[in-house]
Amino acid sequence: MAAVFTPVSHEPLGEVLTAEQYDALPENSLRELVDGVIRIMATPNGRHQFIARELCSTLDRLGRPRFRAIEAIEVRLGNIHRRNPDVVVVPATAYDAEHSYYRPHEVVLAVEVVSPGSEIADRREKPVEYAGGGIQFYWRIEPAPEMVVHAFRLGSNGYLSAGEFRPAQTVLLDGLEWAAVPVSDLID
């Protein structure tokens, strides 16, 4: 006989929620709202967390005083469409320590670290959504088999590739020159 795991959840999974219903739920950084339906993200592994933490710290240090980097905070792409990028960068003028979310027009850069369970969303869904929201830059970090940072810049019809950066390189983009991140600094 095969064992069946039935998780206990207090999340209204499978229901279409209004923005008000979603906002009334307790905070959960592993939850996103897509077209009014909750998606629970897989718990990230240690490598994912290390990369996100190191990148956020580096971007925050490099960006000050003009920019602030924040880990895992909600971006409200629409009332019933919310994502939690692994790292976002906002202008210092938009930063508010009391904010629990940002609107796409306040976000300069959104970053996703691909890990088991997030592959399709990070590679296919989120770039389309972030571009549709007008977020100027998107980085997708692929930790394995070799660390690669895929950088994208917003074009007239979505994101355009702005380069692929590997461990011996530094991420350097026109319009985001201050965010010169050595890829080797992200390897655990």
N, C-alpha and C. Protein backbone atom coordinates (compact mmCIF):
# COMPACT_ATOMS: atom_id res chain seq x y z
N MET A 1 0.83 -1.17 0.00
CA MET A 1 0.00 0.00 0.00
C MET A 1 0.89 1.24 0.00
N ALA A 2 0.60 2.20 -0.86
CA ALA A 2 1.37 3.43 -0.97
C ALA A 2 0.85 4.45 0.03
N ALA A 3 1.77 5.15 0.65
CA ALA A 3 1.39 6.21 1.58
C ALA A 3 1.02 7.46 0.80
N VAL A 4 0.00 8.13 1.23
CA VAL A 4 -0.42 9.37 0.61
C VAL A 4 -0.27 10.48 1.64
N PHE A 5 0.44 11.53 1.24
CA PHE A 5 0.65 12.66 2.14
C PHE A 5 -0.41 13.71 1.85
N THR A 6 -1.17 14.04 2.84
CA THR A 6 -2.18 15.09 2.70
C THR A 6 -1.80 16.21 3.67
N PRO A 7 -1.26 17.32 3.13
CA PRO A 7 -0.83 18.40 4.01
C PRO A 7 -2.03 19.13 4.63
N VAL A 8 -1.80 19.60 5.84
CA VAL A 8 -2.80 20.42 6.50
C VAL A 8 -2.46 21.87 6.14
N SER A 9 -3.43 22.57 5.60
CA SER A 9 -3.19 23.94 5.19
C SER A 9 -4.36 24.81 5.60
N HIS A 10 -4.02 26.00 6.03
CA HIS A 10 -5.06 26.97 6.36
C HIS A 10 -5.19 27.97 5.22
N GLU A 11 -4.50 27.70 4.12
CA GLU A 11 -4.58 28.56 2.94
C GLU A 11 -5.83 28.17 2.15
N PRO A 12 -6.54 29.13 1.61
CA PRO A 12 -7.72 28.82 0.78
C PRO A 12 -7.28 28.39 -0.63
N LEU A 13 -6.65 27.22 -0.71
CA LEU A 13 -6.11 26.73 -1.97
C LEU A 13 -7.23 26.37 -2.93
N GLY A 14 -7.04 26.71 -4.19
CA GLY A 14 -8.01 26.36 -5.22
C GLY A 14 -9.18 27.30 -5.32
N GLU A 15 -9.25 28.28 -4.45
CA GLU A 15 -10.33 29.26 -4.50
C GLU A 15 -9.84 30.51 -5.22
N VAL A 16 -10.75 31.17 -5.92
CA VAL A 16 -10.43 32.46 -6.53
C VAL A 16 -10.74 33.52 -5.49
N LEU A 17 -9.72 34.31 -5.15
CA LEU A 17 -9.84 35.31 -4.09
C LEU A 17 -9.89 36.72 -4.66
N THR A 18 -10.54 37.60 -3.93
CA THR A 18 -10.46 39.02 -4.25
C THR A 18 -9.19 39.57 -3.61
N ALA A 19 -8.81 40.76 -3.99
CA ALA A 19 -7.64 41.40 -3.39
C ALA A 19 -7.84 41.56 -1.88
N GLU A 20 -9.04 41.90 -1.48
CA GLU A 20 -9.32 42.11 -0.06
C GLU A 20 -9.20 40.80 0.73
N GLN A 21 -9.68 39.71 0.16
CA GLN A 21 -9.57 38.42 0.84
C GLN A 21 -8.10 38.00 0.98
N TYR A 22 -7.34 38.21 -0.08
CA TYR A 22 -5.92 37.86 -0.04
C TYR A 22 -5.17 38.71 0.99
N ASP A 23 -5.45 40.01 0.98
CA ASP A 23 -4.77 40.92 1.91
C ASP A 23 -5.10 40.62 3.36
N ALA A 24 -6.24 39.99 3.62
CA ALA A 24 -6.64 39.67 4.99
C ALA A 24 -5.93 38.43 5.53
N LEU A 25 -5.26 37.67 4.65
CA LEU A 25 -4.54 36.48 5.11
C LEU A 25 -3.27 36.86 5.85
N PRO A 26 -2.80 36.02 6.77
CA PRO A 26 -1.53 36.29 7.44
C PRO A 26 -0.40 36.31 6.40
N GLU A 27 0.63 37.09 6.65
CA GLU A 27 1.75 37.17 5.71
C GLU A 27 2.41 35.82 5.56
N ASN A 28 2.84 35.52 4.34
CA ASN A 28 3.50 34.26 4.02
C ASN A 28 4.35 34.50 2.79
N SER A 29 5.67 34.58 2.94
CA SER A 29 6.55 34.90 1.82
C SER A 29 6.64 33.76 0.81
N LEU A 30 6.10 32.59 1.14
CA LEU A 30 6.10 31.48 0.19
C LEU A 30 4.78 31.39 -0.58
N ARG A 31 3.96 32.42 -0.46
CA ARG A 31 2.67 32.44 -1.14
C ARG A 31 2.65 33.57 -2.15
N GLU A 32 2.14 33.28 -3.34
CA GLU A 32 1.92 34.29 -4.36
C GLU A 32 0.47 34.18 -4.84
N LEU A 33 -0.04 35.24 -5.41
CA LEU A 33 -1.39 35.26 -5.93
C LEU A 33 -1.31 35.47 -7.43
N VAL A 34 -1.81 34.49 -8.19
CA VAL A 34 -1.77 34.56 -9.64
C VAL A 34 -3.19 34.40 -10.16
N ASP A 35 -3.69 35.46 -10.77
CA ASP A 35 -5.06 35.49 -11.27
C ASP A 35 -6.07 35.16 -10.18
N GLY A 36 -5.80 35.61 -8.97
CA GLY A 36 -6.72 35.41 -7.86
C GLY A 36 -6.59 34.08 -7.15
N VAL A 37 -5.68 33.22 -7.60
CA VAL A 37 -5.52 31.89 -7.00
C VAL A 37 -4.15 31.82 -6.33
N ILE A 38 -4.15 31.28 -5.13
CA ILE A 38 -2.89 31.16 -4.37
C ILE A 38 -2.01 30.08 -4.98
N ARG A 39 -0.73 30.42 -5.11
CA ARG A 39 0.30 29.45 -5.46
C ARG A 39 1.29 29.42 -4.30
N ILE A 40 1.51 28.23 -3.79
CA ILE A 40 2.49 28.05 -2.72
C ILE A 40 3.81 27.65 -3.37
N MET A 41 4.87 28.37 -3.03
CA MET A 41 6.19 28.08 -3.58
C MET A 41 6.89 27.04 -2.73
N ALA A 42 7.76 26.29 -3.36
CA ALA A 42 8.56 25.30 -2.63
C ALA A 42 9.49 26.02 -1.65
N THR A 43 9.74 25.39 -0.53
CA THR A 43 10.70 25.95 0.42
C THR A 43 12.07 25.99 -0.25
N PRO A 44 12.71 27.16 -0.27
CA PRO A 44 14.01 27.26 -0.94
C PRO A 44 15.11 26.50 -0.20
N ASN A 45 16.10 26.03 -0.96
CA ASN A 45 17.23 25.34 -0.35
C ASN A 45 18.29 26.34 0.11
N GLY A 46 19.31 25.85 0.76
CA GLY A 46 20.37 26.70 1.30
C GLY A 46 21.09 27.51 0.24
N ARG A 47 21.38 26.89 -0.91
CA ARG A 47 22.07 27.60 -1.99
C ARG A 47 21.24 28.79 -2.45
N HIS A 48 19.95 28.57 -2.66
CA HIS A 48 19.05 29.63 -3.08
C HIS A 48 19.09 30.79 -2.09
N GLN A 49 19.00 30.48 -0.82
CA GLN A 49 18.97 31.51 0.21
C GLN A 49 20.30 32.26 0.29
N PHE A 50 21.41 31.54 0.16
CA PHE A 50 22.73 32.18 0.17
C PHE A 50 22.84 33.17 -0.97
N ILE A 51 22.47 32.75 -2.18
CA ILE A 51 22.57 33.61 -3.36
C ILE A 51 21.71 34.85 -3.18
N ALA A 52 20.46 34.66 -2.77
CA ALA A 52 19.55 35.80 -2.60
C ALA A 52 20.08 36.77 -1.55
N ARG A 53 20.55 36.24 -0.44
CA ARG A 53 21.06 37.10 0.65
C ARG A 53 22.31 37.87 0.21
N GLU A 54 23.26 37.16 -0.42
CA GLU A 54 24.49 37.81 -0.87
C GLU A 54 24.21 38.87 -1.92
N LEU A 55 23.34 38.53 -2.88
CA LEU A 55 23.02 39.48 -3.93
C LEU A 55 22.32 40.71 -3.36
N CYS A 56 21.37 40.51 -2.48
CA CYS A 56 20.64 41.63 -1.88
C CYS A 56 21.60 42.54 -1.12
N SER A 57 22.47 41.94 -0.34
CA SER A 57 23.45 42.72 0.43
C SER A 57 24.38 43.51 -0.50
N THR A 58 24.85 42.86 -1.54
CA THR A 58 25.76 43.51 -2.49
C THR A 58 25.07 44.65 -3.22
N LEU A 59 23.86 44.39 -3.73
CA LEU A 59 23.14 45.44 -4.45
C LEU A 59 22.79 46.61 -3.54
N ASP A 60 22.44 46.32 -2.30
CA ASP A 60 22.11 47.40 -1.38
C ASP A 60 23.34 48.26 -1.10
N ARG A 61 24.48 47.62 -0.91
CA ARG A 61 25.73 48.36 -0.65
C ARG A 61 26.13 49.19 -1.87
N LEU A 62 26.06 48.59 -3.07
CA LEU A 62 26.45 49.29 -4.29
C LEU A 62 25.48 50.41 -4.66
N GLY A 63 24.22 50.22 -4.34
CA GLY A 63 23.20 51.17 -4.76
C GLY A 63 23.02 52.39 -3.89
N ARG A 64 23.50 52.33 -2.66
CA ARG A 64 23.26 53.45 -1.76
C ARG A 64 24.09 54.66 -2.17
N PRO A 65 23.56 55.84 -2.05
CA PRO A 65 22.31 56.22 -1.41
C PRO A 65 21.11 56.29 -2.37
N ARG A 66 21.31 56.00 -3.66
CA ARG A 66 20.24 56.18 -4.65
C ARG A 66 19.23 55.04 -4.70
N PHE A 67 19.65 53.81 -4.33
CA PHE A 67 18.79 52.64 -4.46
C PHE A 67 18.81 51.80 -3.19
N ARG A 68 17.77 50.99 -3.00
CA ARG A 68 17.70 50.05 -1.90
C ARG A 68 17.31 48.69 -2.45
N ALA A 69 17.97 47.65 -1.96
CA ALA A 69 17.66 46.27 -2.35
C ALA A 69 16.93 45.60 -1.19
N ILE A 70 15.92 44.80 -1.54
CA ILE A 70 15.08 44.16 -0.53
C ILE A 70 14.85 42.72 -0.94
N GLU A 71 14.92 41.80 0.03
CA GLU A 71 14.67 40.38 -0.24
C GLU A 71 13.19 40.05 -0.10
N ALA A 72 12.71 39.19 -0.99
CA ALA A 72 11.41 38.53 -0.90
C ALA A 72 10.27 39.43 -0.43
N ILE A 73 10.04 40.50 -1.16
CA ILE A 73 8.93 41.38 -0.83
C ILE A 73 7.96 41.38 -2.01
N GLU A 74 6.70 41.55 -1.70
CA GLU A 74 5.66 41.45 -2.72
C GLU A 74 5.71 42.59 -3.73
N VAL A 75 5.52 42.21 -5.00
CA VAL A 75 5.32 43.19 -6.06
C VAL A 75 3.88 43.00 -6.53
N ARG A 76 3.10 44.05 -6.42
CA ARG A 76 1.68 43.98 -6.82
C ARG A 76 1.57 44.32 -8.30
N LEU A 77 1.54 43.27 -9.10
CA LEU A 77 1.41 43.44 -10.54
C LEU A 77 -0.02 43.81 -10.92
N GLY A 78 -0.95 43.51 -10.05
CA GLY A 78 -2.36 43.82 -10.21
C GLY A 78 -3.06 43.46 -8.93
N ASN A 79 -4.33 43.82 -8.80
CA ASN A 79 -5.05 43.52 -7.57
C ASN A 79 -5.06 42.04 -7.23
N ILE A 80 -5.23 41.19 -8.25
CA ILE A 80 -5.29 39.75 -8.01
C ILE A 80 -4.08 39.03 -8.61
N HIS A 81 -2.98 39.78 -8.74
CA HIS A 81 -1.75 39.19 -9.27
C HIS A 81 -0.57 39.77 -8.50
N ARG A 82 0.04 38.93 -7.65
CA ARG A 82 1.14 39.36 -6.80
C ARG A 82 2.27 38.34 -6.86
N ARG A 83 3.45 38.83 -6.96
CA ARG A 83 4.65 37.97 -6.96
C ARG A 83 5.61 38.44 -5.88
N ASN A 84 6.48 37.53 -5.44
CA ASN A 84 7.51 37.83 -4.44
C ASN A 84 8.88 37.52 -5.03
N PRO A 85 9.45 38.43 -5.82
CA PRO A 85 10.79 38.16 -6.35
C PRO A 85 11.78 37.91 -5.21
N ASP A 86 12.82 37.17 -5.52
CA ASP A 86 13.83 36.88 -4.49
C ASP A 86 14.53 38.15 -4.03
N VAL A 87 14.77 39.08 -4.96
CA VAL A 87 15.38 40.38 -4.64
C VAL A 87 14.73 41.42 -5.54
N VAL A 88 14.43 42.57 -4.98
CA VAL A 88 14.00 43.72 -5.78
C VAL A 88 14.88 44.91 -5.41
N VAL A 89 15.05 45.79 -6.38
CA VAL A 89 15.74 47.05 -6.14
C VAL A 89 14.76 48.16 -6.46
N VAL A 90 14.64 49.09 -5.51
CA VAL A 90 13.76 50.25 -5.69
C VAL A 90 14.60 51.52 -5.50
N PRO A 91 14.17 52.62 -6.13
CA PRO A 91 14.85 53.89 -5.85
C PRO A 91 14.70 54.23 -4.37
N ALA A 92 15.69 54.89 -3.81
CA ALA A 92 15.63 55.27 -2.39
C ALA A 92 14.42 56.15 -2.13
N THR A 93 13.99 56.91 -3.11
CA THR A 93 12.82 57.77 -2.94
C THR A 93 11.53 56.97 -2.79
N ALA A 94 11.50 55.73 -3.28
CA ALA A 94 10.31 54.87 -3.15
C ALA A 94 10.39 53.97 -1.93
N TYR A 95 11.58 53.81 -1.37
CA TYR A 95 11.77 52.90 -0.24
C TYR A 95 11.05 53.41 0.99
N ASP A 96 10.35 52.51 1.66
CA ASP A 96 9.68 52.81 2.93
C ASP A 96 9.82 51.56 3.79
N ALA A 97 10.46 51.68 4.92
CA ALA A 97 10.71 50.54 5.81
C ALA A 97 9.41 49.90 6.29
N GLU A 98 8.30 50.62 6.22
CA GLU A 98 7.02 50.07 6.67
C GLU A 98 6.24 49.40 5.54
N HIS A 99 6.70 49.55 4.32
CA HIS A 99 6.01 48.92 3.18
C HIS A 99 6.14 47.40 3.23
N SER A 100 5.08 46.71 2.86
CA SER A 100 5.14 45.25 2.72
C SER A 100 4.99 44.85 1.26
N TYR A 101 4.91 45.84 0.37
CA TYR A 101 4.81 45.58 -1.06
C TYR A 101 5.24 46.81 -1.85
N TYR A 102 5.51 46.59 -3.12
CA TYR A 102 5.82 47.67 -4.05
C TYR A 102 5.02 47.46 -5.33
N ARG A 103 4.77 48.52 -6.03
CA ARG A 103 4.13 48.49 -7.35
C ARG A 103 5.23 48.37 -8.39
N PRO A 104 4.93 47.78 -9.56
CA PRO A 104 5.97 47.59 -10.58
C PRO A 104 6.70 48.88 -10.97
N HIS A 105 5.99 50.01 -11.03
CA HIS A 105 6.65 51.25 -11.44
C HIS A 105 7.69 51.73 -10.41
N GLU A 106 7.65 51.16 -9.20
CA GLU A 106 8.63 51.50 -8.16
C GLU A 106 9.85 50.59 -8.19
N VAL A 107 9.81 49.53 -8.99
CA VAL A 107 10.87 48.53 -9.01
C VAL A 107 11.78 48.76 -10.21
N VAL A 108 13.08 48.87 -9.96
CA VAL A 108 14.08 49.05 -11.01
C VAL A 108 14.55 47.70 -11.53
N LEU A 109 14.73 46.75 -10.61
CA LEU A 109 15.26 45.43 -10.93
C LEU A 109 14.54 44.37 -10.11
N ALA A 110 14.11 43.30 -10.77
CA ALA A 110 13.56 42.13 -10.09
C ALA A 110 14.48 40.96 -10.38
N VAL A 111 14.77 40.16 -9.37
CA VAL A 111 15.69 39.03 -9.52
C VAL A 111 15.02 37.76 -9.01
N GLU A 112 15.13 36.70 -9.78
CA GLU A 112 14.67 35.38 -9.36
C GLU A 112 15.86 34.42 -9.39
N VAL A 113 15.99 33.63 -8.34
CA VAL A 113 16.99 32.57 -8.26
C VAL A 113 16.25 31.27 -8.53
N VAL A 114 16.60 30.61 -9.61
CA VAL A 114 15.91 29.38 -9.99
C VAL A 114 16.31 28.26 -9.04
N SER A 115 15.30 27.55 -8.55
CA SER A 115 15.55 26.41 -7.68
C SER A 115 14.47 25.37 -7.96
N PRO A 116 14.65 24.15 -7.46
CA PRO A 116 13.65 23.13 -7.71
C PRO A 116 12.25 23.61 -7.31
N GLY A 117 11.33 23.49 -8.24
CA GLY A 117 9.96 23.93 -8.01
C GLY A 117 9.63 25.29 -8.58
N SER A 118 10.66 26.05 -9.01
CA SER A 118 10.39 27.39 -9.54
C SER A 118 10.83 27.55 -10.99
N GLU A 119 11.29 26.48 -11.60
CA GLU A 119 11.91 26.57 -12.92
C GLU A 119 11.01 27.22 -13.98
N ILE A 120 9.81 26.72 -14.17
CA ILE A 120 8.93 27.23 -15.22
C ILE A 120 8.50 28.65 -14.91
N ALA A 121 8.11 28.90 -13.67
CA ALA A 121 7.67 30.26 -13.30
C ALA A 121 8.80 31.27 -13.51
N ASP A 122 10.02 30.95 -13.06
CA ASP A 122 11.14 31.89 -13.15
C ASP A 122 11.62 32.10 -14.59
N ARG A 123 11.52 31.06 -15.41
CA ARG A 123 12.02 31.15 -16.78
C ARG A 123 10.99 31.65 -17.78
N ARG A 124 9.72 31.35 -17.55
CA ARG A 124 8.70 31.66 -18.55
C ARG A 124 7.63 32.64 -18.09
N GLU A 125 7.08 32.43 -16.91
CA GLU A 125 5.94 33.23 -16.46
C GLU A 125 6.35 34.60 -15.92
N LYS A 126 7.25 34.61 -14.97
CA LYS A 126 7.59 35.86 -14.30
C LYS A 126 8.23 36.89 -15.22
N PRO A 127 9.10 36.50 -16.16
CA PRO A 127 9.63 37.54 -17.07
C PRO A 127 8.53 38.25 -17.86
N VAL A 128 7.54 37.52 -18.31
CA VAL A 128 6.42 38.12 -19.06
C VAL A 128 5.64 39.06 -18.14
N GLU A 129 5.39 38.62 -16.92
CA GLU A 129 4.62 39.42 -15.97
C GLU A 129 5.38 40.68 -15.55
N TYR A 130 6.66 40.55 -15.24
CA TYR A 130 7.45 41.70 -14.83
C TYR A 130 7.61 42.70 -15.98
N ALA A 131 7.82 42.20 -17.17
CA ALA A 131 7.91 43.09 -18.33
C ALA A 131 6.59 43.79 -18.56
N GLY A 132 5.49 43.06 -18.43
CA GLY A 132 4.17 43.66 -18.59
C GLY A 132 3.90 44.75 -17.57
N GLY A 133 4.51 44.63 -16.40
CA GLY A 133 4.38 45.64 -15.35
C GLY A 133 5.30 46.82 -15.56
N GLY A 134 6.24 46.71 -16.50
CA GLY A 134 7.15 47.81 -16.79
C GLY A 134 8.42 47.83 -15.96
N ILE A 135 8.77 46.71 -15.32
CA ILE A 135 10.01 46.65 -14.55
C ILE A 135 11.18 46.65 -15.54
N GLN A 136 12.06 47.63 -15.42
CA GLN A 136 13.12 47.87 -16.42
C GLN A 136 14.10 46.72 -16.59
N PHE A 137 14.50 46.07 -15.50
CA PHE A 137 15.51 45.02 -15.58
C PHE A 137 15.03 43.77 -14.83
N TYR A 138 15.41 42.62 -15.39
CA TYR A 138 15.11 41.33 -14.77
C TYR A 138 16.37 40.47 -14.86
N TRP A 139 16.76 39.89 -13.72
CA TRP A 139 17.87 38.93 -13.71
C TRP A 139 17.31 37.59 -13.27
N ARG A 140 17.71 36.56 -14.00
CA ARG A 140 17.38 35.18 -13.61
C ARG A 140 18.69 34.49 -13.32
N ILE A 141 18.84 34.01 -12.12
CA ILE A 141 20.09 33.36 -11.71
C ILE A 141 19.87 31.85 -11.72
N GLU A 142 20.69 31.17 -12.49
CA GLU A 142 20.67 29.71 -12.59
C GLU A 142 21.91 29.21 -11.83
N PRO A 143 21.73 28.64 -10.63
CA PRO A 143 22.88 28.20 -9.83
C PRO A 143 23.59 26.96 -10.35
N ALA A 144 22.89 26.09 -11.11
CA ALA A 144 23.48 24.82 -11.54
C ALA A 144 23.12 24.55 -12.99
N PRO A 145 23.93 23.82 -13.70
CA PRO A 145 25.14 23.13 -13.26
C PRO A 145 26.31 24.08 -13.04
N GLU A 146 26.30 25.24 -13.70
CA GLU A 146 27.29 26.28 -13.45
C GLU A 146 26.52 27.57 -13.22
N MET A 147 26.98 28.39 -12.29
CA MET A 147 26.31 29.65 -11.99
C MET A 147 26.29 30.53 -13.24
N VAL A 148 25.08 30.96 -13.61
CA VAL A 148 24.91 31.89 -14.73
C VAL A 148 23.86 32.91 -14.34
N VAL A 149 24.18 34.18 -14.55
CA VAL A 149 23.21 35.25 -14.36
C VAL A 149 22.75 35.68 -15.75
N HIS A 150 21.47 35.46 -16.03
CA HIS A 150 20.87 35.89 -17.29
C HIS A 150 20.25 37.26 -17.02
N ALA A 151 20.75 38.27 -17.71
CA ALA A 151 20.26 39.64 -17.49
C ALA A 151 19.39 40.07 -18.67
N PHE A 152 18.31 40.76 -18.35
CA PHE A 152 17.36 41.22 -19.36
C PHE A 152 17.04 42.69 -19.13
N ARG A 153 16.79 43.37 -20.26
CA ARG A 153 16.40 44.78 -20.24
C ARG A 153 15.06 44.88 -20.95
N LEU A 154 14.19 45.74 -20.45
CA LEU A 154 12.87 45.91 -21.02
C LEU A 154 12.95 46.54 -22.40
N GLY A 155 12.31 45.91 -23.38
CA GLY A 155 12.21 46.44 -24.73
C GLY A 155 10.77 46.78 -25.03
N SER A 156 10.46 47.06 -26.27
CA SER A 156 9.10 47.45 -26.63
C SER A 156 8.12 46.29 -26.59
N ASN A 157 8.62 45.04 -26.70
CA ASN A 157 7.74 43.86 -26.68
C ASN A 157 8.17 42.85 -25.63
N GLY A 158 8.61 43.31 -24.48
CA GLY A 158 9.05 42.40 -23.43
C GLY A 158 10.54 42.56 -23.18
N TYR A 159 11.10 41.57 -22.50
CA TYR A 159 12.52 41.64 -22.16
C TYR A 159 13.40 41.20 -23.32
N LEU A 160 14.52 41.90 -23.44
CA LEU A 160 15.56 41.56 -24.40
C LEU A 160 16.78 41.10 -23.61
N SER A 161 17.48 40.11 -24.12
CA SER A 161 18.68 39.64 -23.43
C SER A 161 19.72 40.76 -23.39
N ALA A 162 20.28 40.98 -22.21
CA ALA A 162 21.33 41.98 -22.04
C ALA A 162 22.65 41.31 -21.69
N GLY A 163 22.67 39.97 -21.70
CA GLY A 163 23.90 39.25 -21.45
C GLY A 163 23.74 38.09 -20.50
N GLU A 164 24.71 37.18 -20.59
CA GLU A 164 24.83 36.05 -19.67
C GLU A 164 26.18 36.18 -19.00
N PHE A 165 26.19 36.09 -17.69
CA PHE A 165 27.41 36.32 -16.93
C PHE A 165 27.73 35.10 -16.09
N ARG A 166 28.99 34.66 -16.17
CA ARG A 166 29.46 33.45 -15.49
C ARG A 166 30.45 33.82 -14.38
N PRO A 167 30.91 32.82 -13.60
CA PRO A 167 31.73 33.10 -12.42
C PRO A 167 32.95 33.99 -12.62
N ALA A 168 33.60 33.97 -13.76
CA ALA A 168 34.78 34.81 -13.95
C ALA A 168 34.41 36.23 -14.40
N GLN A 169 33.11 36.53 -14.47
CA GLN A 169 32.66 37.81 -14.99
C GLN A 169 31.92 38.63 -13.93
N THR A 170 31.72 39.90 -14.28
CA THR A 170 30.94 40.81 -13.45
C THR A 170 29.73 41.24 -14.25
N VAL A 171 28.56 41.20 -13.61
CA VAL A 171 27.34 41.67 -14.27
C VAL A 171 27.48 43.18 -14.44
N LEU A 172 27.41 43.63 -15.68
CA LEU A 172 27.55 45.06 -15.96
C LEU A 172 26.64 45.40 -17.13
N LEU A 173 25.66 46.27 -16.88
CA LEU A 173 24.67 46.63 -17.89
C LEU A 173 24.55 48.13 -18.04
N ASP A 174 24.34 48.59 -19.27
CA ASP A 174 24.04 50.00 -19.50
C ASP A 174 22.75 50.35 -18.78
N GLY A 175 22.76 51.45 -18.06
CA GLY A 175 21.59 51.87 -17.31
C GLY A 175 21.54 51.30 -15.91
N LEU A 176 22.42 50.34 -15.64
CA LEU A 176 22.48 49.72 -14.31
C LEU A 176 23.95 49.54 -13.91
N GLU A 177 24.77 50.51 -14.34
CA GLU A 177 26.22 50.40 -14.13
C GLU A 177 26.61 50.29 -12.66
N TRP A 178 25.84 50.91 -11.80
CA TRP A 178 26.15 50.88 -10.37
C TRP A 178 26.05 49.46 -9.80
N ALA A 179 25.29 48.58 -10.48
CA ALA A 179 25.04 47.22 -9.97
C ALA A 179 26.05 46.22 -10.54
N ALA A 180 27.31 46.55 -10.46
CA ALA A 180 28.39 45.69 -10.98
C ALA A 180 28.68 44.59 -9.95
N VAL A 181 28.05 43.43 -10.16
CA VAL A 181 28.14 42.33 -9.21
C VAL A 181 29.03 41.23 -9.77
N PRO A 182 30.16 40.93 -9.10
CA PRO A 182 30.96 39.78 -9.53
C PRO A 182 30.19 38.48 -9.30
N VAL A 183 29.99 37.70 -10.34
CA VAL A 183 29.21 36.47 -10.23
C VAL A 183 29.85 35.53 -9.21
N SER A 184 31.16 35.51 -9.14
CA SER A 184 31.83 34.60 -8.19
C SER A 184 31.44 34.90 -6.74
N ASP A 185 31.00 36.13 -6.44
CA ASP A 185 30.58 36.48 -5.08
C ASP A 185 29.28 35.76 -4.68
N LEU A 186 28.57 35.21 -5.67
CA LEU A 186 27.27 34.57 -5.40
C LEU A 186 27.39 33.05 -5.24
N ILE A 187 28.60 32.53 -5.36
CA ILE A 187 28.80 31.09 -5.25
C ILE A 187 29.06 30.72 -3.81
N ASP A 188 28.29 29.75 -3.30
CA ASP A 188 28.45 29.35 -1.90
C ASP A 188 29.57 28.35 -1.73
